[in-house]
Amino acid sequence: MKKILCSLISLSAVLLFISCTNTQKKPDPVKPQPIEEGWISDDEFRVKVSGTTDSSAADVSMLMKSSEAAAVKKARETVVKNFVSTRMKQSPGAGTYAVVALSIDKDFRDIIEAGKIITENYSADNKTCTVVYQVEKTGLKKMVEQKK
């Protein structure tokens, strides 16, 4: 009986010791997600869009190039739309949407076309590409907001 009692006490002591030493691991600090859309700074603007190709090419690299081109085209169009919206909010007397869109397209075409892909991801079949597209120029935000 003494042996059983000693065994139980020993087992309890071991379990107590194990439970006391089992400290919870602190969770890793959450890394901030990079900004994928909107103004990154007064000089940088990003959009996130997906483009899909209707190509039926069997070559994977051709599908990827085609879907990336579709995504970049859509990204450039989205940048123009965002810039038009920004200008119209900041300068209510800037004119109609069509007039402002023409002005934005003319004034910022080179900047928008010189944009770069920050990230790109493809669907399993490579027919859809999602890109984060960035345009940048010193003082870009002020340029977009100001009515010409």
N, C-alpha and C. Protein backbone atom coordinates (compact mmCIF):
# COMPACT_ATOMS: atom_id res chain seq x y z
N MET A 1 0.83 -1.18 0.00
CA MET A 1 0.00 0.00 0.00
C MET A 1 0.88 1.25 0.00
N LYS A 2 1.98 1.18 0.77
CA LYS A 2 2.89 2.32 0.82
C LYS A 2 3.50 2.58 -0.56
N LYS A 3 3.81 1.48 -1.27
CA LYS A 3 4.41 1.62 -2.59
C LYS A 3 3.44 2.31 -3.55
N ILE A 4 2.18 1.96 -3.48
CA ILE A 4 1.17 2.57 -4.37
C ILE A 4 1.01 4.04 -4.03
N LEU A 5 0.95 4.36 -2.75
CA LEU A 5 0.82 5.75 -2.31
C LEU A 5 2.04 6.56 -2.74
N CYS A 6 3.22 6.02 -2.59
CA CYS A 6 4.45 6.71 -3.02
C CYS A 6 4.47 6.90 -4.53
N SER A 7 4.01 5.89 -5.25
CA SER A 7 3.95 5.99 -6.71
C SER A 7 2.99 7.09 -7.15
N LEU A 8 1.83 7.16 -6.49
CA LEU A 8 0.84 8.19 -6.83
C LEU A 8 1.37 9.59 -6.52
N ILE A 9 2.04 9.72 -5.40
CA ILE A 9 2.60 11.02 -5.03
C ILE A 9 3.70 11.41 -6.01
N SER A 10 4.54 10.46 -6.38
CA SER A 10 5.61 10.73 -7.35
C SER A 10 5.02 11.12 -8.70
N LEU A 11 4.02 10.38 -9.14
CA LEU A 11 3.37 10.68 -10.42
C LEU A 11 2.73 12.07 -10.39
N SER A 12 2.07 12.40 -9.29
CA SER A 12 1.46 13.72 -9.15
C SER A 12 2.51 14.82 -9.19
N ALA A 13 3.63 14.58 -8.54
CA ALA A 13 4.70 15.58 -8.53
C ALA A 13 5.27 15.77 -9.93
N VAL A 14 5.47 14.68 -10.65
CA VAL A 14 5.98 14.77 -12.03
C VAL A 14 5.00 15.53 -12.91
N LEU A 15 3.71 15.20 -12.82
CA LEU A 15 2.69 15.89 -13.62
C LEU A 15 2.62 17.38 -13.27
N LEU A 16 2.72 17.69 -11.99
CA LEU A 16 2.72 19.09 -11.56
C LEU A 16 3.93 19.82 -12.12
N PHE A 17 5.08 19.19 -12.08
CA PHE A 17 6.31 19.78 -12.61
C PHE A 17 6.19 20.02 -14.12
N ILE A 18 5.66 19.04 -14.84
CA ILE A 18 5.50 19.18 -16.30
C ILE A 18 4.53 20.30 -16.64
N SER A 19 3.42 20.39 -15.91
CA SER A 19 2.43 21.42 -16.21
C SER A 19 2.97 22.82 -15.90
N CYS A 20 3.85 22.92 -14.91
CA CYS A 20 4.42 24.23 -14.57
C CYS A 20 5.47 24.67 -15.59
N THR A 21 6.17 23.72 -16.16
CA THR A 21 7.22 24.09 -17.12
C THR A 21 6.67 24.29 -18.53
N ASN A 22 5.47 23.90 -18.78
CA ASN A 22 4.88 24.04 -20.11
C ASN A 22 4.35 25.46 -20.27
N THR A 23 5.22 26.35 -20.66
CA THR A 23 4.79 27.74 -20.84
C THR A 23 4.25 27.91 -22.25
N GLN A 24 3.31 28.79 -22.37
CA GLN A 24 2.73 29.04 -23.68
C GLN A 24 3.68 29.86 -24.52
N LYS A 25 3.79 29.47 -25.77
CA LYS A 25 4.65 30.18 -26.70
C LYS A 25 3.95 31.46 -27.13
N LYS A 26 4.69 32.54 -27.10
CA LYS A 26 4.10 33.82 -27.52
C LYS A 26 3.88 33.78 -29.02
N PRO A 27 2.74 34.30 -29.47
CA PRO A 27 2.50 34.30 -30.91
C PRO A 27 3.48 35.27 -31.60
N ASP A 28 3.82 34.92 -32.82
CA ASP A 28 4.69 35.80 -33.59
C ASP A 28 3.98 37.12 -33.82
N PRO A 29 4.73 38.21 -33.77
CA PRO A 29 4.09 39.48 -34.03
C PRO A 29 3.53 39.52 -35.46
N VAL A 30 2.38 40.13 -35.58
CA VAL A 30 1.73 40.19 -36.88
C VAL A 30 2.48 41.18 -37.76
N LYS A 31 2.90 40.69 -38.90
CA LYS A 31 3.59 41.56 -39.84
C LYS A 31 2.55 42.37 -40.59
N PRO A 32 2.75 43.66 -40.72
CA PRO A 32 1.77 44.45 -41.46
C PRO A 32 1.75 44.03 -42.92
N GLN A 33 0.55 43.94 -43.45
CA GLN A 33 0.40 43.58 -44.85
C GLN A 33 0.78 44.79 -45.72
N PRO A 34 1.49 44.55 -46.81
CA PRO A 34 1.82 45.67 -47.68
C PRO A 34 0.55 46.25 -48.29
N ILE A 35 0.56 47.54 -48.49
CA ILE A 35 -0.59 48.20 -49.08
C ILE A 35 -0.68 47.79 -50.54
N GLU A 36 -1.84 47.28 -50.94
CA GLU A 36 -2.00 46.81 -52.30
C GLU A 36 -2.80 47.78 -53.17
N GLU A 37 -3.55 48.66 -52.54
CA GLU A 37 -4.37 49.58 -53.33
C GLU A 37 -4.38 50.96 -52.68
N GLY A 38 -4.36 51.97 -53.52
CA GLY A 38 -4.45 53.34 -53.05
C GLY A 38 -3.10 54.02 -53.01
N TRP A 39 -3.07 55.16 -52.34
CA TRP A 39 -1.85 55.95 -52.25
C TRP A 39 -0.91 55.33 -51.22
N ILE A 40 0.28 54.98 -51.66
CA ILE A 40 1.32 54.45 -50.79
C ILE A 40 2.04 55.63 -50.14
N SER A 41 2.25 56.65 -50.94
CA SER A 41 2.86 57.90 -50.49
C SER A 41 2.37 58.98 -51.45
N ASP A 42 2.87 60.19 -51.28
CA ASP A 42 2.49 61.26 -52.20
C ASP A 42 3.05 61.06 -53.60
N ASP A 43 3.94 60.08 -53.75
CA ASP A 43 4.60 59.82 -55.02
C ASP A 43 4.22 58.49 -55.66
N GLU A 44 3.50 57.61 -54.93
CA GLU A 44 3.23 56.26 -55.41
C GLU A 44 1.76 55.89 -55.24
N PHE A 45 1.21 55.27 -56.28
CA PHE A 45 -0.19 54.83 -56.26
C PHE A 45 -0.25 53.40 -56.77
N ARG A 46 -1.05 52.54 -56.11
CA ARG A 46 -1.17 51.14 -56.50
C ARG A 46 -2.62 50.72 -56.70
N VAL A 47 -2.79 49.76 -57.60
CA VAL A 47 -4.07 49.10 -57.79
C VAL A 47 -3.84 47.59 -57.83
N LYS A 48 -4.86 46.85 -57.46
CA LYS A 48 -4.80 45.39 -57.54
C LYS A 48 -5.94 44.94 -58.42
N VAL A 49 -5.61 44.28 -59.52
CA VAL A 49 -6.63 43.82 -60.47
C VAL A 49 -6.28 42.44 -61.01
N SER A 50 -7.28 41.80 -61.57
CA SER A 50 -7.09 40.51 -62.23
C SER A 50 -7.45 40.64 -63.69
N GLY A 51 -6.69 39.97 -64.51
CA GLY A 51 -6.97 39.95 -65.94
C GLY A 51 -7.02 38.50 -66.39
N THR A 52 -7.94 38.24 -67.29
CA THR A 52 -8.12 36.88 -67.80
C THR A 52 -7.93 36.87 -69.30
N THR A 53 -7.24 35.87 -69.78
CA THR A 53 -7.04 35.73 -71.21
C THR A 53 -8.06 34.76 -71.77
N ASP A 54 -8.42 34.97 -73.01
CA ASP A 54 -9.31 34.03 -73.69
C ASP A 54 -8.51 33.12 -74.63
N SER A 55 -7.20 33.19 -74.49
CA SER A 55 -6.31 32.37 -75.31
C SER A 55 -6.49 30.90 -74.97
N SER A 56 -6.35 30.08 -75.98
CA SER A 56 -6.43 28.64 -75.76
C SER A 56 -5.09 27.97 -76.07
N ALA A 57 -4.04 28.75 -75.97
CA ALA A 57 -2.70 28.23 -76.25
C ALA A 57 -2.35 27.10 -75.29
N ALA A 58 -1.66 26.11 -75.81
CA ALA A 58 -1.24 24.99 -74.98
C ALA A 58 0.03 25.32 -74.22
N ASP A 59 0.78 26.30 -74.70
CA ASP A 59 2.04 26.70 -74.08
C ASP A 59 1.76 27.51 -72.83
N VAL A 60 2.22 27.02 -71.69
CA VAL A 60 1.97 27.67 -70.41
C VAL A 60 2.55 29.09 -70.38
N SER A 61 3.74 29.26 -70.91
CA SER A 61 4.36 30.60 -70.87
C SER A 61 3.55 31.60 -71.70
N MET A 62 2.97 31.14 -72.80
CA MET A 62 2.13 32.03 -73.62
C MET A 62 0.85 32.41 -72.86
N LEU A 63 0.27 31.45 -72.16
CA LEU A 63 -0.92 31.75 -71.36
C LEU A 63 -0.59 32.76 -70.28
N MET A 64 0.55 32.57 -69.62
CA MET A 64 0.95 33.48 -68.56
C MET A 64 1.19 34.88 -69.09
N LYS A 65 1.88 34.99 -70.21
CA LYS A 65 2.14 36.30 -70.81
C LYS A 65 0.83 36.98 -71.21
N SER A 66 -0.07 36.22 -71.76
CA SER A 66 -1.35 36.77 -72.21
C SER A 66 -2.20 37.23 -71.02
N SER A 67 -2.26 36.42 -69.97
CA SER A 67 -3.07 36.81 -68.81
C SER A 67 -2.42 37.98 -68.07
N GLU A 68 -1.08 38.03 -68.04
CA GLU A 68 -0.40 39.17 -67.43
C GLU A 68 -0.67 40.45 -68.22
N ALA A 69 -0.63 40.37 -69.53
CA ALA A 69 -0.90 41.54 -70.37
C ALA A 69 -2.33 42.04 -70.15
N ALA A 70 -3.27 41.11 -70.00
CA ALA A 70 -4.67 41.50 -69.73
C ALA A 70 -4.77 42.20 -68.38
N ALA A 71 -4.06 41.69 -67.38
CA ALA A 71 -4.09 42.29 -66.04
C ALA A 71 -3.46 43.68 -66.05
N VAL A 72 -2.35 43.84 -66.75
CA VAL A 72 -1.68 45.15 -66.81
C VAL A 72 -2.56 46.16 -67.53
N LYS A 73 -3.19 45.74 -68.62
CA LYS A 73 -4.10 46.65 -69.35
C LYS A 73 -5.23 47.10 -68.43
N LYS A 74 -5.82 46.16 -67.71
CA LYS A 74 -6.91 46.49 -66.79
C LYS A 74 -6.40 47.38 -65.65
N ALA A 75 -5.18 47.13 -65.18
CA ALA A 75 -4.60 47.94 -64.10
C ALA A 75 -4.44 49.38 -64.55
N ARG A 76 -3.93 49.59 -65.76
CA ARG A 76 -3.76 50.95 -66.28
C ARG A 76 -5.09 51.67 -66.40
N GLU A 77 -6.11 50.96 -66.86
CA GLU A 77 -7.44 51.55 -66.95
C GLU A 77 -7.97 51.91 -65.56
N THR A 78 -7.70 51.07 -64.59
CA THR A 78 -8.16 51.30 -63.22
C THR A 78 -7.45 52.51 -62.62
N VAL A 79 -6.17 52.67 -62.91
CA VAL A 79 -5.43 53.84 -62.43
C VAL A 79 -6.08 55.11 -62.99
N VAL A 80 -6.38 55.11 -64.28
CA VAL A 80 -7.02 56.29 -64.89
C VAL A 80 -8.34 56.58 -64.19
N LYS A 81 -9.17 55.56 -63.98
CA LYS A 81 -10.46 55.76 -63.31
C LYS A 81 -10.28 56.35 -61.91
N ASN A 82 -9.30 55.82 -61.18
CA ASN A 82 -9.05 56.35 -59.83
C ASN A 82 -8.57 57.79 -59.87
N PHE A 83 -7.70 58.11 -60.80
CA PHE A 83 -7.21 59.48 -60.93
C PHE A 83 -8.35 60.43 -61.31
N VAL A 84 -9.23 59.99 -62.20
CA VAL A 84 -10.37 60.83 -62.59
C VAL A 84 -11.25 61.08 -61.38
N SER A 85 -11.53 60.03 -60.64
CA SER A 85 -12.36 60.16 -59.44
C SER A 85 -11.73 61.12 -58.44
N THR A 86 -10.43 60.99 -58.23
CA THR A 86 -9.72 61.87 -57.29
C THR A 86 -9.79 63.31 -57.75
N ARG A 87 -9.54 63.56 -59.02
CA ARG A 87 -9.55 64.92 -59.54
C ARG A 87 -10.95 65.53 -59.43
N MET A 88 -11.96 64.74 -59.71
CA MET A 88 -13.33 65.27 -59.66
C MET A 88 -13.74 65.59 -58.22
N LYS A 89 -13.26 64.81 -57.27
CA LYS A 89 -13.57 65.10 -55.86
C LYS A 89 -12.84 66.35 -55.39
N GLN A 90 -11.60 66.51 -55.79
CA GLN A 90 -10.78 67.64 -55.35
C GLN A 90 -11.11 68.93 -56.10
N SER A 91 -11.56 68.80 -57.33
CA SER A 91 -11.86 69.98 -58.15
C SER A 91 -13.24 69.80 -58.79
N PRO A 92 -14.30 70.11 -58.02
CA PRO A 92 -15.66 69.87 -58.54
C PRO A 92 -15.94 70.56 -59.87
N GLY A 93 -15.27 71.65 -60.16
CA GLY A 93 -15.52 72.36 -61.41
C GLY A 93 -14.62 71.93 -62.54
N ALA A 94 -14.01 70.75 -62.41
CA ALA A 94 -13.05 70.29 -63.41
C ALA A 94 -13.70 69.92 -64.74
N GLY A 95 -14.98 69.68 -64.74
CA GLY A 95 -15.68 69.32 -65.98
C GLY A 95 -16.37 67.98 -65.85
N THR A 96 -16.89 67.51 -66.98
CA THR A 96 -17.59 66.23 -66.98
C THR A 96 -16.58 65.09 -66.85
N TYR A 97 -17.10 63.94 -66.55
CA TYR A 97 -16.23 62.76 -66.38
C TYR A 97 -15.41 62.53 -67.64
N ALA A 98 -16.04 62.61 -68.78
CA ALA A 98 -15.34 62.34 -70.05
C ALA A 98 -14.22 63.34 -70.28
N VAL A 99 -14.46 64.61 -69.98
CA VAL A 99 -13.44 65.64 -70.17
C VAL A 99 -12.26 65.41 -69.23
N VAL A 100 -12.58 65.12 -67.99
CA VAL A 100 -11.52 64.87 -67.00
C VAL A 100 -10.75 63.60 -67.37
N ALA A 101 -11.45 62.58 -67.83
CA ALA A 101 -10.78 61.33 -68.22
C ALA A 101 -9.81 61.56 -69.37
N LEU A 102 -10.20 62.36 -70.34
CA LEU A 102 -9.30 62.68 -71.46
C LEU A 102 -8.08 63.44 -70.96
N SER A 103 -8.31 64.39 -70.07
CA SER A 103 -7.22 65.18 -69.52
C SER A 103 -6.24 64.30 -68.73
N ILE A 104 -6.78 63.43 -67.89
CA ILE A 104 -5.94 62.52 -67.09
C ILE A 104 -5.15 61.60 -68.01
N ASP A 105 -5.83 61.04 -69.01
CA ASP A 105 -5.16 60.13 -69.94
C ASP A 105 -4.01 60.84 -70.65
N LYS A 106 -4.25 62.06 -71.06
CA LYS A 106 -3.22 62.83 -71.77
C LYS A 106 -2.06 63.20 -70.84
N ASP A 107 -2.39 63.70 -69.66
CA ASP A 107 -1.37 64.20 -68.74
C ASP A 107 -0.54 63.10 -68.07
N PHE A 108 -1.14 61.94 -67.88
CA PHE A 108 -0.47 60.90 -67.10
C PHE A 108 -0.17 59.61 -67.88
N ARG A 109 -0.41 59.62 -69.17
CA ARG A 109 -0.22 58.41 -69.97
C ARG A 109 1.18 57.82 -69.80
N ASP A 110 2.20 58.64 -69.92
CA ASP A 110 3.58 58.13 -69.82
C ASP A 110 3.87 57.56 -68.43
N ILE A 111 3.37 58.24 -67.41
CA ILE A 111 3.59 57.78 -66.03
C ILE A 111 2.89 56.44 -65.81
N ILE A 112 1.66 56.33 -66.29
CA ILE A 112 0.88 55.11 -66.10
C ILE A 112 1.48 53.95 -66.88
N GLU A 113 1.88 54.20 -68.09
CA GLU A 113 2.48 53.14 -68.91
C GLU A 113 3.85 52.70 -68.38
N ALA A 114 4.52 53.60 -67.66
CA ALA A 114 5.83 53.26 -67.09
C ALA A 114 5.69 52.57 -65.73
N GLY A 115 4.46 52.31 -65.32
CA GLY A 115 4.24 51.64 -64.04
C GLY A 115 4.88 50.27 -64.00
N LYS A 116 4.92 49.69 -62.81
CA LYS A 116 5.56 48.39 -62.68
C LYS A 116 4.69 47.44 -61.86
N ILE A 117 4.89 46.17 -62.12
CA ILE A 117 4.19 45.13 -61.39
C ILE A 117 4.94 44.88 -60.08
N ILE A 118 4.23 45.01 -58.97
CA ILE A 118 4.82 44.75 -57.66
C ILE A 118 4.70 43.27 -57.31
N THR A 119 3.52 42.70 -57.51
CA THR A 119 3.32 41.27 -57.31
C THR A 119 2.43 40.74 -58.42
N GLU A 120 2.59 39.45 -58.72
CA GLU A 120 1.72 38.79 -59.69
C GLU A 120 1.46 37.37 -59.23
N ASN A 121 0.24 36.94 -59.40
CA ASN A 121 -0.17 35.58 -59.04
C ASN A 121 -1.04 35.04 -60.16
N TYR A 122 -0.87 33.77 -60.45
CA TYR A 122 -1.62 33.14 -61.53
C TYR A 122 -2.57 32.09 -60.99
N SER A 123 -3.68 31.91 -61.70
CA SER A 123 -4.62 30.86 -61.35
C SER A 123 -4.00 29.51 -61.72
N ALA A 124 -4.64 28.44 -61.30
CA ALA A 124 -4.11 27.10 -61.56
C ALA A 124 -3.98 26.82 -63.05
N ASP A 125 -4.89 27.35 -63.85
CA ASP A 125 -4.82 27.11 -65.30
C ASP A 125 -4.04 28.20 -66.04
N ASN A 126 -3.49 29.16 -65.30
CA ASN A 126 -2.68 30.26 -65.85
C ASN A 126 -3.44 31.20 -66.77
N LYS A 127 -4.75 31.11 -66.80
CA LYS A 127 -5.53 31.99 -67.66
C LYS A 127 -5.90 33.29 -66.97
N THR A 128 -5.73 33.35 -65.65
CA THR A 128 -6.02 34.57 -64.89
C THR A 128 -4.78 34.97 -64.11
N CYS A 129 -4.46 36.25 -64.21
CA CYS A 129 -3.32 36.79 -63.49
C CYS A 129 -3.81 37.95 -62.63
N THR A 130 -3.40 37.97 -61.39
CA THR A 130 -3.73 39.08 -60.48
C THR A 130 -2.43 39.83 -60.21
N VAL A 131 -2.46 41.15 -60.44
CA VAL A 131 -1.26 41.96 -60.25
C VAL A 131 -1.55 43.10 -59.29
N VAL A 132 -0.50 43.51 -58.58
CA VAL A 132 -0.50 44.78 -57.88
C VAL A 132 0.40 45.66 -58.74
N TYR A 133 -0.19 46.72 -59.29
CA TYR A 133 0.48 47.58 -60.26
C TYR A 133 0.71 48.94 -59.62
N GLN A 134 1.92 49.46 -59.75
CA GLN A 134 2.27 50.73 -59.11
C GLN A 134 2.76 51.75 -60.13
N VAL A 135 2.24 52.97 -59.99
CA VAL A 135 2.75 54.10 -60.78
C VAL A 135 3.38 55.07 -59.80
N GLU A 136 4.45 55.72 -60.25
CA GLU A 136 5.13 56.64 -59.34
C GLU A 136 5.78 57.80 -60.08
N LYS A 137 5.76 58.92 -59.42
CA LYS A 137 6.42 60.13 -59.88
C LYS A 137 6.44 61.09 -58.70
N THR A 138 7.50 61.84 -58.57
CA THR A 138 7.60 62.81 -57.48
C THR A 138 6.45 63.80 -57.57
N GLY A 139 5.70 63.93 -56.47
CA GLY A 139 4.58 64.87 -56.42
C GLY A 139 3.34 64.41 -57.16
N LEU A 140 3.23 63.11 -57.44
CA LEU A 140 2.12 62.58 -58.23
C LEU A 140 0.76 62.90 -57.64
N LYS A 141 0.60 62.74 -56.35
CA LYS A 141 -0.72 62.97 -55.73
C LYS A 141 -1.18 64.40 -55.93
N LYS A 142 -0.28 65.36 -55.74
CA LYS A 142 -0.65 66.76 -55.95
C LYS A 142 -0.99 67.03 -57.41
N MET A 143 -0.24 66.41 -58.30
CA MET A 143 -0.50 66.58 -59.73
C MET A 143 -1.89 66.06 -60.10
N VAL A 144 -2.28 64.92 -59.53
CA VAL A 144 -3.57 64.33 -59.83
C VAL A 144 -4.70 65.19 -59.26
N GLU A 145 -4.51 65.70 -58.06
CA GLU A 145 -5.56 66.47 -57.39
C GLU A 145 -5.79 67.85 -57.99
N GLN A 146 -4.77 68.42 -58.60
CA GLN A 146 -4.89 69.79 -59.09
C GLN A 146 -5.56 69.84 -60.46
N LYS A 147 -6.45 70.80 -60.56
CA LYS A 147 -7.12 71.04 -61.84
C LYS A 147 -6.17 71.84 -62.71
N LYS A 148 -6.11 71.44 -63.95
CA LYS A 148 -5.24 72.18 -64.89
C LYS A 148 -5.94 73.38 -65.45
